[in-house]
């Protein structure tokens, strides 16, 4: 089942959102966005857990 995520659910003011065919593809896109838009070279475990809690079925 497709999955979706809105960055604004974790980062206040960020309007970026993504939909992907599965959670693996979703996390690839999320990590690219985190590096490009939020200058994160590594994503801390607490952020990953927060992101996981906000993923929804598309």
Protein backbone atom coordinates (compact mmCIF):
# COMPACT_ATOMS: atom_id res chain seq x y z
CA UNK A 1 0.00 0.00 0.00
CA UNK A 2 1.22 3.49 -0.84
CA UNK A 3 2.43 5.69 2.01
CA UNK A 4 2.46 9.45 2.50
CA UNK A 5 4.25 11.90 4.77
CA UNK A 6 4.05 15.65 5.35
CA UNK A 7 7.25 17.22 6.66
CA UNK A 8 5.23 19.92 8.43
CA UNK A 9 4.01 17.23 10.83
CA UNK A 10 7.58 17.10 12.18
CA UNK A 11 9.18 20.42 11.14
CA UNK A 12 7.05 23.50 11.79
CA UNK A 13 6.49 25.57 8.68
CA UNK A 14 7.73 23.04 6.12
CA UNK A 15 5.13 22.53 3.37
CA UNK A 16 6.89 19.57 1.66
CA UNK A 17 4.89 16.37 1.32
CA UNK A 18 5.57 13.07 -0.41
CA UNK A 19 3.79 9.89 -1.45
CA UNK A 20 5.59 6.65 -2.35
CA UNK A 21 4.72 3.07 -3.19
CA UNK A 22 6.07 1.76 0.14
CA UNK A 23 7.88 2.82 3.31
CA UNK A 24 11.36 2.08 1.89
CA UNK A 25 10.85 4.40 -1.08
CA UNK A 26 9.25 6.96 1.22
CA UNK A 27 12.30 7.02 3.52
CA UNK A 28 14.65 7.46 0.55
CA UNK A 29 12.70 10.56 -0.50
CA UNK A 30 12.45 11.84 3.09
CA UNK A 31 16.19 11.51 3.64
CA UNK A 32 16.93 13.36 0.38
CA UNK A 33 14.58 16.15 1.47
CA UNK A 34 16.17 16.29 4.94
CA UNK A 35 19.63 16.71 3.39
CA UNK A 36 18.60 19.23 0.74
CA UNK A 37 16.04 21.37 2.56
CA UNK A 38 17.08 21.02 6.20
CA UNK A 39 20.86 20.50 5.78
CA UNK A 40 20.79 17.28 7.83
CA UNK A 41 23.82 15.10 7.09
CA UNK A 42 22.47 12.43 9.45
CA UNK A 43 18.95 11.94 10.73
CA UNK A 44 18.88 11.42 14.52
CA UNK A 45 17.00 8.38 15.79
CA UNK A 46 14.42 10.50 17.64
CA UNK A 47 13.58 12.28 14.37
CA UNK A 48 13.22 8.94 12.57
CA UNK A 49 10.80 7.75 15.26
CA UNK A 50 8.81 10.98 14.96
CA UNK A 51 8.67 10.61 11.16
CA UNK A 52 7.54 6.97 11.45
CA UNK A 53 4.70 8.01 13.77
CA UNK A 54 3.42 10.50 11.14
CA UNK A 55 3.43 8.21 8.08
CA UNK A 56 -0.05 7.51 6.78
CA UNK A 57 -1.57 5.18 4.19
CA UNK A 58 -2.18 6.99 0.91
